[in-house]
Amino acid sequence: MCAVMEELKLETLIEAIKNLKVTQHWTNEQALTALNIDKSKWPRIIALL
């Protein structure tokens, strides 16, 4: 169950980043910084975008 919740959280985060990129014309880095995502998680998230 925990893995499912973590995956759902990640999918929601990806959608939020995509929305910021489209609506605000931000880069991946700007969106990740605005959402206060730990830099150690950036490579995995960027790979999923």
PDB file of N, CA and C in Angstrom:
ATOM      1  N   MET A   1       0.816  -1.192   0.000  1.00  0.00           N
ATOM      2  CA  MET A   1       0.000   0.000   0.000  1.00  0.00           C
ATOM      3  C   MET A   1       0.866   1.265   0.000  1.00  0.00           C
ATOM      4  N   CYS A   2       1.946   1.234   0.731  1.00  0.00           N
ATOM      5  CA  CYS A   2       2.836   2.387   0.811  1.00  0.00           C
ATOM      6  C   CYS A   2       3.455   2.682  -0.559  1.00  0.00           C
ATOM      7  N   ALA A   3       3.803   1.650  -1.299  1.00  0.00           N
ATOM      8  CA  ALA A   3       4.388   1.836  -2.630  1.00  0.00           C
ATOM      9  C   ALA A   3       3.376   2.473  -3.576  1.00  0.00           C
ATOM     10  N   VAL A   4       2.128   2.087  -3.455  1.00  0.00           N
ATOM     11  CA  VAL A   4       1.074   2.654  -4.295  1.00  0.00           C
ATOM     12  C   VAL A   4       0.902   4.127  -3.985  1.00  0.00           C
ATOM     13  N   MET A   5       0.893   4.485  -2.727  1.00  0.00           N
ATOM     14  CA  MET A   5       0.741   5.883  -2.328  1.00  0.00           C
ATOM     15  C   MET A   5       1.938   6.716  -2.796  1.00  0.00           C
ATOM     16  N   GLU A   6       3.122   6.155  -2.698  1.00  0.00           N
ATOM     17  CA  GLU A   6       4.326   6.859  -3.139  1.00  0.00           C
ATOM     18  C   GLU A   6       4.274   7.097  -4.649  1.00  0.00           C
ATOM     19  N   GLU A   7       3.821   6.118  -5.400  1.00  0.00           N
ATOM     20  CA  GLU A   7       3.702   6.250  -6.856  1.00  0.00           C
ATOM     21  C   GLU A   7       2.655   7.306  -7.216  1.00  0.00           C
ATOM     22  N   LEU A   8       1.542   7.321  -6.510  1.00  0.00           N
ATOM     23  CA  LEU A   8       0.506   8.316  -6.743  1.00  0.00           C
ATOM     24  C   LEU A   8       1.016   9.719  -6.438  1.00  0.00           C
ATOM     25  N   LYS A   9       1.769   9.845  -5.362  1.00  0.00           N
ATOM     26  CA  LYS A   9       2.348  11.133  -4.992  1.00  0.00           C
ATOM     27  C   LYS A   9       3.316  11.608  -6.078  1.00  0.00           C
ATOM     28  N   LEU A  10       4.106  10.696  -6.613  1.00  0.00           N
ATOM     29  CA  LEU A  10       5.055  11.036  -7.660  1.00  0.00           C
ATOM     30  C   LEU A  10       4.337  11.458  -8.943  1.00  0.00           C
ATOM     31  N   GLU A  11       3.281  10.754  -9.301  1.00  0.00           N
ATOM     32  CA  GLU A  11       2.497  11.117 -10.488  1.00  0.00           C
ATOM     33  C   GLU A  11       1.882  12.498 -10.337  1.00  0.00           C
ATOM     34  N   THR A  12       1.391  12.802  -9.161  1.00  0.00           N
ATOM     35  CA  THR A  12       0.804  14.119  -8.884  1.00  0.00           C
ATOM     36  C   THR A  12       1.871  15.202  -8.994  1.00  0.00           C
ATOM     37  N   LEU A  13       3.042  14.917  -8.475  1.00  0.00           N
ATOM     38  CA  LEU A  13       4.158  15.861  -8.541  1.00  0.00           C
ATOM     39  C   LEU A  13       4.571  16.115  -9.988  1.00  0.00           C
ATOM     40  N   ILE A  14       4.637  15.068 -10.781  1.00  0.00           N
ATOM     41  CA  ILE A  14       4.999  15.201 -12.198  1.00  0.00           C
ATOM     42  C   ILE A  14       3.987  16.096 -12.914  1.00  0.00           C
ATOM     43  N   GLU A  15       2.710  15.883 -12.644  1.00  0.00           N
ATOM     44  CA  GLU A  15       1.669  16.706 -13.264  1.00  0.00           C
ATOM     45  C   GLU A  15       1.791  18.168 -12.835  1.00  0.00           C
ATOM     46  N   ALA A  16       2.109  18.401 -11.577  1.00  0.00           N
ATOM     47  CA  ALA A  16       2.274  19.771 -11.084  1.00  0.00           C
ATOM     48  C   ALA A  16       3.444  20.456 -11.786  1.00  0.00           C
ATOM     49  N   ILE A  17       4.532  19.731 -11.972  1.00  0.00           N
ATOM     50  CA  ILE A  17       5.706  20.291 -12.654  1.00  0.00           C
ATOM     51  C   ILE A  17       5.363  20.607 -14.104  1.00  0.00           C
ATOM     52  N   LYS A  18       4.686  19.688 -14.773  1.00  0.00           N
ATOM     53  CA  LYS A  18       4.287  19.915 -16.166  1.00  0.00           C
ATOM     54  C   LYS A  18       3.387  21.143 -16.277  1.00  0.00           C
ATOM     55  N   ASN A  19       2.454  21.286 -15.346  1.00  0.00           N
ATOM     56  CA  ASN A  19       1.553  22.441 -15.363  1.00  0.00           C
ATOM     57  C   ASN A  19       2.307  23.749 -15.164  1.00  0.00           C
ATOM     58  N   LEU A  20       3.266  23.765 -14.261  1.00  0.00           N
ATOM     59  CA  LEU A  20       4.065  24.972 -14.045  1.00  0.00           C
ATOM     60  C   LEU A  20       4.881  25.315 -15.285  1.00  0.00           C
ATOM     61  N   LYS A  21       5.413  24.295 -15.927  1.00  0.00           N
ATOM     62  CA  LYS A  21       6.200  24.536 -17.135  1.00  0.00           C
ATOM     63  C   LYS A  21       5.343  25.148 -18.243  1.00  0.00           C
ATOM     64  N   VAL A  22       4.111  24.692 -18.372  1.00  0.00           N
ATOM     65  CA  VAL A  22       3.228  25.196 -19.429  1.00  0.00           C
ATOM     66  C   VAL A  22       2.681  26.578 -19.067  1.00  0.00           C
ATOM     67  N   THR A  23       2.143  26.713 -17.881  1.00  0.00           N
ATOM     68  CA  THR A  23       1.458  27.959 -17.532  1.00  0.00           C
ATOM     69  C   THR A  23       2.415  29.103 -17.210  1.00  0.00           C
ATOM     70  N   GLN A  24       3.547  28.787 -16.588  1.00  0.00           N
ATOM     71  CA  GLN A  24       4.490  29.831 -16.193  1.00  0.00           C
ATOM     72  C   GLN A  24       5.705  29.925 -17.113  1.00  0.00           C
ATOM     73  N   HIS A  25       5.810  28.974 -18.065  1.00  0.00           N
ATOM     74  CA  HIS A  25       6.953  28.916 -18.982  1.00  0.00           C
ATOM     75  C   HIS A  25       8.266  28.760 -18.220  1.00  0.00           C
ATOM     76  N   TRP A  26       8.235  27.904 -17.201  1.00  0.00           N
ATOM     77  CA  TRP A  26       9.409  27.642 -16.376  1.00  0.00           C
ATOM     78  C   TRP A  26      10.173  26.441 -16.896  1.00  0.00           C
ATOM     79  N   THR A  27      11.452  26.372 -16.509  1.00  0.00           N
ATOM     80  CA  THR A  27      12.269  25.195 -16.792  1.00  0.00           C
ATOM     81  C   THR A  27      11.981  24.143 -15.726  1.00  0.00           C
ATOM     82  N   ASN A  28      12.497  22.931 -15.952  1.00  0.00           N
ATOM     83  CA  ASN A  28      12.364  21.880 -14.939  1.00  0.00           C
ATOM     84  C   ASN A  28      12.933  22.351 -13.606  1.00  0.00           C
ATOM     85  N   GLU A  29      14.100  22.970 -13.658  1.00  0.00           N
ATOM     86  CA  GLU A  29      14.782  23.399 -12.441  1.00  0.00           C
ATOM     87  C   GLU A  29      13.980  24.463 -11.690  1.00  0.00           C
ATOM     88  N   GLN A  30      13.386  25.383 -12.409  1.00  0.00           N
ATOM     89  CA  GLN A  30      12.579  26.423 -11.767  1.00  0.00           C
ATOM     90  C   GLN A  30      11.351  25.813 -11.095  1.00  0.00           C
ATOM     91  N   ALA A  31      10.709  24.875 -11.764  1.00  0.00           N
ATOM     92  CA  ALA A  31       9.525  24.238 -11.192  1.00  0.00           C
ATOM     93  C   ALA A  31       9.886  23.409  -9.963  1.00  0.00           C
ATOM     94  N   LEU A  32      10.970  22.664 -10.042  1.00  0.00           N
ATOM     95  CA  LEU A  32      11.397  21.844  -8.903  1.00  0.00           C
ATOM     96  C   LEU A  32      11.778  22.715  -7.714  1.00  0.00           C
ATOM     97  N   THR A  33      12.419  23.827  -7.974  1.00  0.00           N
ATOM     98  CA  THR A  33      12.788  24.752  -6.898  1.00  0.00           C
ATOM     99  C   THR A  33      11.541  25.367  -6.273  1.00  0.00           C
ATOM    100  N   ALA A  34      10.594  25.772  -7.102  1.00  0.00           N
ATOM    101  CA  ALA A  34       9.366  26.384  -6.598  1.00  0.00           C
ATOM    102  C   ALA A  34       8.567  25.412  -5.737  1.00  0.00           C
ATOM    103  N   LEU A  35       8.618  24.128  -6.081  1.00  0.00           N
ATOM    104  CA  LEU A  35       7.896  23.109  -5.309  1.00  0.00           C
ATOM    105  C   LEU A  35       8.715  22.595  -4.124  1.00  0.00           C
ATOM    106  N   ASN A  36       9.901  23.154  -3.953  1.00  0.00           N
ATOM    107  CA  ASN A  36      10.769  22.809  -2.825  1.00  0.00           C
ATOM    108  C   ASN A  36      11.111  21.311  -2.792  1.00  0.00           C
ATOM    109  N   ILE A  37      11.483  20.777  -3.939  1.00  0.00           N
ATOM    110  CA  ILE A  37      11.857  19.371  -4.049  1.00  0.00           C
ATOM    111  C   ILE A  37      13.340  19.233  -3.731  1.00  0.00           C
ATOM    112  N   ASP A  38      13.666  18.253  -2.926  1.00  0.00           N
ATOM    113  CA  ASP A  38      15.049  17.987  -2.549  1.00  0.00           C
ATOM    114  C   ASP A  38      15.879  17.696  -3.798  1.00  0.00           C
ATOM    115  N   LYS A  39      17.037  18.348  -3.903  1.00  0.00           N
ATOM    116  CA  LYS A  39      17.872  18.202  -5.104  1.00  0.00           C
ATOM    117  C   LYS A  39      18.333  16.774  -5.349  1.00  0.00           C
ATOM    118  N   SER A  40      18.384  15.961  -4.330  1.00  0.00           N
ATOM    119  CA  SER A  40      18.802  14.566  -4.524  1.00  0.00           C
ATOM    120  C   SER A  40      17.753  13.782  -5.311  1.00  0.00           C
ATOM    121  N   LYS A  41      16.520  14.268  -5.348  1.00  0.00           N
ATOM    122  CA  LYS A  41      15.441  13.592  -6.069  1.00  0.00           C
ATOM    123  C   LYS A  41      15.263  14.119  -7.492  1.00  0.00           C
ATOM    124  N   TRP A  42      15.927  15.214  -7.839  1.00  0.00           N
ATOM    125  CA  TRP A  42      15.779  15.830  -9.148  1.00  0.00           C
ATOM    126  C   TRP A  42      16.060  14.883 -10.314  1.00  0.00           C
ATOM    127  N   PRO A  43      17.167  14.145 -10.314  1.00  0.00           N
ATOM    128  CA  PRO A  43      17.452  13.299 -11.488  1.00  0.00           C
ATOM    129  C   PRO A  43      16.342  12.289 -11.793  1.00  0.00           C
ATOM    130  N   ARG A  44      15.789  11.668 -10.773  1.00  0.00           N
ATOM    131  CA  ARG A  44      14.708  10.690 -10.985  1.00  0.00           C
ATOM    132  C   ARG A  44      13.466  11.374 -11.537  1.00  0.00           C
ATOM    133  N   ILE A  45      13.111  12.514 -10.981  1.00  0.00           N
ATOM    134  CA  ILE A  45      11.915  13.222 -11.421  1.00  0.00           C
ATOM    135  C   ILE A  45      12.084  13.735 -12.847  1.00  0.00           C
ATOM    136  N   ILE A  46      13.239  14.317 -13.147  1.00  0.00           N
ATOM    137  CA  ILE A  46      13.491  14.835 -14.487  1.00  0.00           C
ATOM    138  C   ILE A  46      13.460  13.704 -15.513  1.00  0.00           C
ATOM    139  N   ALA A  47      13.940  12.535 -15.131  1.00  0.00           N
ATOM    140  CA  ALA A  47      13.914  11.385 -16.042  1.00  0.00           C
ATOM    141  C   ALA A  47      12.475  10.971 -16.357  1.00  0.00           C
ATOM    142  N   LEU A  48      11.564  11.180 -15.433  1.00  0.00           N
ATOM    143  CA  LEU A  48      10.153  10.813 -15.650  1.00  0.00           C
ATOM    144  C   LEU A  48       9.386  11.855 -16.451  1.00  0.00           C
ATOM    145  N   LEU A  49       9.941  13.050 -16.556  1.00  0.00           N
ATOM    146  CA  LEU A  49       9.260  14.098 -17.321  1.00  0.00           C
ATOM    147  C   LEU A  49       9.406  13.802 -18.788  1.00  0.00           C
TER     148      LEU A  49
END
